[in-house]
């Protein structure tokens, strides 16, 4: 089997990085936006969602409801963090 080489996807983002670095004075605001959009769902939404969707995970109704509530709370935190990060940019 022959492995196909895949071009590096980060090369296309160089102009975007240049524009962001010129327009934004404080990089902390950009990092807070990235954290709100990426880190918060990764910690609060995806793990319980994977457990709810996993066919091998047998849980009671209360456990399933708590996982779903955690997903909803994580989505609300993601939305709130994104709004706050955009207001600070």
N, C-alpha and C. Protein backbone atom coordinates (compact mmCIF):
# COMPACT_ATOMS: atom_id res chain seq x y z
N UNK A 1 0.83 -1.17 0.00
CA UNK A 1 0.00 0.00 0.00
C UNK A 1 0.89 1.24 0.00
N UNK A 2 0.56 2.19 -0.83
CA UNK A 2 1.35 3.40 -0.96
C UNK A 2 0.70 4.50 -0.12
N UNK A 3 1.50 5.13 0.70
CA UNK A 3 1.00 6.24 1.52
C UNK A 3 1.01 7.51 0.68
N UNK A 4 -0.09 8.22 0.73
CA UNK A 4 -0.19 9.47 0.00
C UNK A 4 0.19 10.62 0.92
N UNK A 5 0.97 11.52 0.38
CA UNK A 5 1.36 12.67 1.19
C UNK A 5 0.24 13.70 1.17
N UNK A 6 0.00 14.29 2.32
CA UNK A 6 -1.04 15.29 2.47
C UNK A 6 -0.35 16.62 2.71
N UNK A 7 -0.72 17.65 1.94
CA UNK A 7 -0.09 18.96 2.17
C UNK A 7 -0.44 19.50 3.55
N UNK A 8 0.47 20.25 4.10
CA UNK A 8 0.29 20.81 5.43
C UNK A 8 -0.84 21.85 5.40
N UNK A 9 -1.90 21.65 6.20
CA UNK A 9 -3.03 22.59 6.15
C UNK A 9 -2.74 23.92 6.83
N UNK A 10 -1.66 24.03 7.60
CA UNK A 10 -1.40 25.28 8.30
C UNK A 10 -0.80 26.35 7.40
N UNK A 11 -0.31 25.97 6.23
CA UNK A 11 0.29 26.95 5.34
C UNK A 11 -0.76 27.96 4.86
N UNK A 12 -1.97 27.48 4.61
CA UNK A 12 -3.03 28.36 4.14
C UNK A 12 -3.50 29.36 5.18
N UNK A 13 -3.21 29.11 6.46
CA UNK A 13 -3.65 30.01 7.51
C UNK A 13 -2.66 31.14 7.77
N UNK A 14 -1.53 31.15 7.11
CA UNK A 14 -0.53 32.20 7.34
C UNK A 14 -1.06 33.60 7.05
N UNK A 15 -1.80 33.83 5.95
CA UNK A 15 -2.37 35.17 5.75
C UNK A 15 -3.38 35.54 6.83
N UNK A 16 -4.14 34.55 7.30
CA UNK A 16 -5.10 34.82 8.36
C UNK A 16 -4.37 35.22 9.63
N UNK A 17 -3.30 34.52 9.95
CA UNK A 17 -2.51 34.87 11.13
C UNK A 17 -1.93 36.27 11.01
N UNK A 18 -1.47 36.62 9.84
CA UNK A 18 -0.90 37.95 9.64
C UNK A 18 -1.95 39.04 9.85
N UNK A 19 -3.13 38.84 9.32
CA UNK A 19 -4.21 39.83 9.46
C UNK A 19 -4.63 39.94 10.92
N UNK A 20 -4.78 38.81 11.60
CA UNK A 20 -5.17 38.83 13.01
C UNK A 20 -4.11 39.52 13.85
N UNK A 21 -2.85 39.25 13.57
CA UNK A 21 -1.78 39.87 14.36
C UNK A 21 -1.69 41.37 14.11
N UNK A 22 -2.08 41.82 12.94
CA UNK A 22 -2.07 43.26 12.66
C UNK A 22 -3.27 43.95 13.30
N UNK A 23 -4.42 43.32 13.25
CA UNK A 23 -5.65 43.96 13.72
C UNK A 23 -5.84 43.90 15.23
N UNK A 24 -5.35 42.87 15.88
CA UNK A 24 -5.59 42.68 17.30
C UNK A 24 -4.38 43.12 18.09
N UNK A 25 -4.60 44.02 19.02
CA UNK A 25 -3.50 44.53 19.84
C UNK A 25 -3.17 43.59 20.99
N UNK A 26 -4.17 42.95 21.56
CA UNK A 26 -3.97 42.10 22.72
C UNK A 26 -4.19 40.65 22.33
N UNK A 27 -3.15 39.83 22.40
CA UNK A 27 -3.30 38.43 22.01
C UNK A 27 -4.07 37.63 23.05
N UNK A 28 -4.18 38.14 24.25
CA UNK A 28 -4.96 37.45 25.28
C UNK A 28 -6.42 37.35 24.89
N UNK A 29 -6.95 38.34 24.20
CA UNK A 29 -8.34 38.28 23.77
C UNK A 29 -8.54 37.21 22.70
N UNK A 30 -7.55 37.04 21.84
CA UNK A 30 -7.63 35.99 20.83
C UNK A 30 -7.57 34.62 21.49
N UNK A 31 -6.68 34.48 22.47
CA UNK A 31 -6.58 33.21 23.19
C UNK A 31 -7.85 32.89 23.97
N UNK A 32 -8.49 33.91 24.52
CA UNK A 32 -9.74 33.65 25.24
C UNK A 32 -10.83 33.21 24.27
N UNK A 33 -10.84 33.75 23.07
CA UNK A 33 -11.82 33.33 22.06
C UNK A 33 -11.57 31.88 21.63
N UNK A 34 -10.31 31.55 21.41
CA UNK A 34 -9.96 30.17 21.04
C UNK A 34 -10.32 29.21 22.18
N UNK A 35 -10.05 29.62 23.40
CA UNK A 35 -10.40 28.78 24.54
C UNK A 35 -11.89 28.57 24.67
N UNK A 36 -12.64 29.64 24.45
CA UNK A 36 -14.10 29.53 24.55
C UNK A 36 -14.68 28.64 23.45
N UNK A 37 -14.11 28.73 22.26
CA UNK A 37 -14.65 27.96 21.14
C UNK A 37 -14.13 26.52 21.08
N UNK A 38 -12.95 26.28 21.60
CA UNK A 38 -12.35 24.94 21.46
C UNK A 38 -12.23 24.19 22.78
N UNK A 39 -11.66 24.82 23.78
CA UNK A 39 -11.36 24.11 25.03
C UNK A 39 -12.62 23.82 25.84
N UNK A 40 -13.54 24.76 25.91
CA UNK A 40 -14.74 24.56 26.72
C UNK A 40 -15.59 23.40 26.21
N UNK A 41 -15.88 23.33 24.90
CA UNK A 41 -16.64 22.15 24.45
C UNK A 41 -15.86 20.85 24.61
N UNK A 42 -14.55 20.93 24.43
CA UNK A 42 -13.73 19.73 24.55
C UNK A 42 -13.78 19.16 25.97
N UNK A 43 -13.91 20.04 26.96
CA UNK A 43 -13.94 19.59 28.35
C UNK A 43 -15.35 19.30 28.86
N UNK A 44 -16.34 20.06 28.40
CA UNK A 44 -17.66 19.97 29.03
C UNK A 44 -18.74 19.35 28.16
N UNK A 45 -18.58 19.36 26.85
CA UNK A 45 -19.65 18.87 25.98
C UNK A 45 -19.34 17.47 25.43
N UNK A 46 -18.16 17.30 24.86
CA UNK A 46 -17.87 16.07 24.14
C UNK A 46 -17.78 14.82 25.02
N UNK A 47 -17.14 14.84 26.19
CA UNK A 47 -17.09 13.59 26.98
C UNK A 47 -18.46 13.04 27.39
N UNK A 48 -19.36 13.86 27.96
CA UNK A 48 -20.67 13.27 28.29
C UNK A 48 -21.49 12.92 27.05
N UNK A 49 -21.29 13.66 25.98
CA UNK A 49 -22.00 13.36 24.75
C UNK A 49 -21.56 12.01 24.18
N UNK A 50 -20.26 11.74 24.26
CA UNK A 50 -19.77 10.44 23.80
C UNK A 50 -20.32 9.30 24.67
N UNK A 51 -20.42 9.53 25.97
CA UNK A 51 -20.99 8.50 26.84
C UNK A 51 -22.46 8.26 26.55
N UNK A 52 -23.19 9.31 26.25
CA UNK A 52 -24.62 9.17 25.95
C UNK A 52 -24.80 8.42 24.63
N UNK A 53 -23.94 8.72 23.65
CA UNK A 53 -24.08 8.11 22.34
C UNK A 53 -23.45 6.73 22.23
N UNK A 54 -22.66 6.33 23.19
CA UNK A 54 -21.96 5.05 23.16
C UNK A 54 -22.97 3.92 23.37
N UNK A 55 -22.95 2.95 22.48
CA UNK A 55 -23.93 1.86 22.58
C UNK A 55 -23.59 0.88 23.70
N UNK A 56 -22.32 0.81 24.11
CA UNK A 56 -21.93 -0.12 25.15
C UNK A 56 -22.13 0.44 26.56
N UNK A 57 -22.38 1.72 26.66
CA UNK A 57 -22.54 2.36 27.96
C UNK A 57 -23.98 2.21 28.42
N UNK A 58 -24.18 1.37 29.42
CA UNK A 58 -25.52 1.16 29.95
C UNK A 58 -25.65 1.91 31.26
N UNK A 59 -26.48 2.91 31.27
CA UNK A 59 -26.66 3.73 32.46
C UNK A 59 -28.14 3.88 32.73
N UNK A 60 -28.40 4.25 33.95
CA UNK A 60 -29.78 4.50 34.32
C UNK A 60 -30.27 5.83 33.77
N UNK A 61 -31.53 6.08 33.96
CA UNK A 61 -32.13 7.31 33.45
C UNK A 61 -31.54 8.55 34.11
N UNK A 62 -31.24 8.45 35.41
CA UNK A 62 -30.68 9.60 36.12
C UNK A 62 -29.29 9.93 35.59
N UNK A 63 -28.46 8.92 35.40
CA UNK A 63 -27.11 9.15 34.87
C UNK A 63 -27.17 9.74 33.47
N UNK A 64 -28.04 9.21 32.64
CA UNK A 64 -28.20 9.74 31.28
C UNK A 64 -28.68 11.19 31.30
N UNK A 65 -29.61 11.49 32.19
CA UNK A 65 -30.12 12.86 32.30
C UNK A 65 -29.03 13.81 32.78
N UNK A 66 -28.19 13.35 33.70
CA UNK A 66 -27.09 14.20 34.17
C UNK A 66 -26.06 14.44 33.08
N UNK A 67 -25.79 13.45 32.25
CA UNK A 67 -24.87 13.64 31.13
C UNK A 67 -25.44 14.65 30.13
N UNK A 68 -26.71 14.54 29.85
CA UNK A 68 -27.35 15.48 28.93
C UNK A 68 -27.36 16.88 29.52
N UNK A 69 -27.61 17.00 30.82
CA UNK A 69 -27.59 18.31 31.47
C UNK A 69 -26.19 18.91 31.43
N UNK A 70 -25.17 18.08 31.57
CA UNK A 70 -23.79 18.57 31.47
C UNK A 70 -23.50 19.08 30.06
N UNK A 71 -24.01 18.39 29.04
CA UNK A 71 -23.85 18.86 27.66
C UNK A 71 -24.52 20.21 27.44
N UNK A 72 -25.71 20.36 27.97
CA UNK A 72 -26.44 21.62 27.82
C UNK A 72 -25.72 22.74 28.56
N UNK A 73 -25.25 22.46 29.78
CA UNK A 73 -24.50 23.46 30.53
C UNK A 73 -23.21 23.82 29.82
N UNK A 74 -22.53 22.84 29.25
CA UNK A 74 -21.31 23.10 28.50
C UNK A 74 -21.57 23.95 27.27
N UNK A 75 -22.68 23.70 26.59
CA UNK A 75 -23.04 24.52 25.43
C UNK A 75 -23.33 25.95 25.85
N UNK A 76 -24.00 26.12 26.99
CA UNK A 76 -24.27 27.47 27.50
C UNK A 76 -22.98 28.18 27.89
N UNK A 77 -22.05 27.45 28.53
CA UNK A 77 -20.76 28.04 28.88
C UNK A 77 -19.96 28.42 27.64
N UNK A 78 -20.02 27.58 26.62
CA UNK A 78 -19.33 27.88 25.36
C UNK A 78 -19.90 29.14 24.73
N UNK A 79 -21.20 29.23 24.68
CA UNK A 79 -21.85 30.42 24.10
C UNK A 79 -21.53 31.66 24.91
N UNK A 80 -21.65 31.57 26.23
CA UNK A 80 -21.35 32.73 27.08
C UNK A 80 -19.89 33.15 27.00
N UNK A 81 -18.98 32.18 27.00
CA UNK A 81 -17.56 32.50 26.89
C UNK A 81 -17.22 33.12 25.55
N UNK A 82 -17.86 32.64 24.50
CA UNK A 82 -17.62 33.22 23.17
C UNK A 82 -18.12 34.65 23.10
N UNK A 83 -19.30 34.89 23.65
CA UNK A 83 -19.85 36.26 23.64
C UNK A 83 -18.93 37.19 24.44
N UNK A 84 -18.51 36.76 25.61
CA UNK A 84 -17.61 37.60 26.42
C UNK A 84 -16.28 37.84 25.73
N UNK A 85 -15.75 36.81 25.08
CA UNK A 85 -14.48 36.96 24.37
C UNK A 85 -14.61 37.92 23.20
N UNK A 86 -15.74 37.84 22.49
CA UNK A 86 -15.94 38.76 21.37
C UNK A 86 -16.16 40.19 21.84
N UNK A 87 -16.76 40.37 22.99
CA UNK A 87 -16.94 41.73 23.52
C UNK A 87 -15.61 42.35 23.95
N UNK A 88 -14.63 41.50 24.31
CA UNK A 88 -13.33 42.01 24.76
C UNK A 88 -12.34 42.19 23.63
N UNK A 89 -12.66 41.75 22.43
CA UNK A 89 -11.71 41.89 21.30
C UNK A 89 -11.66 43.32 20.85
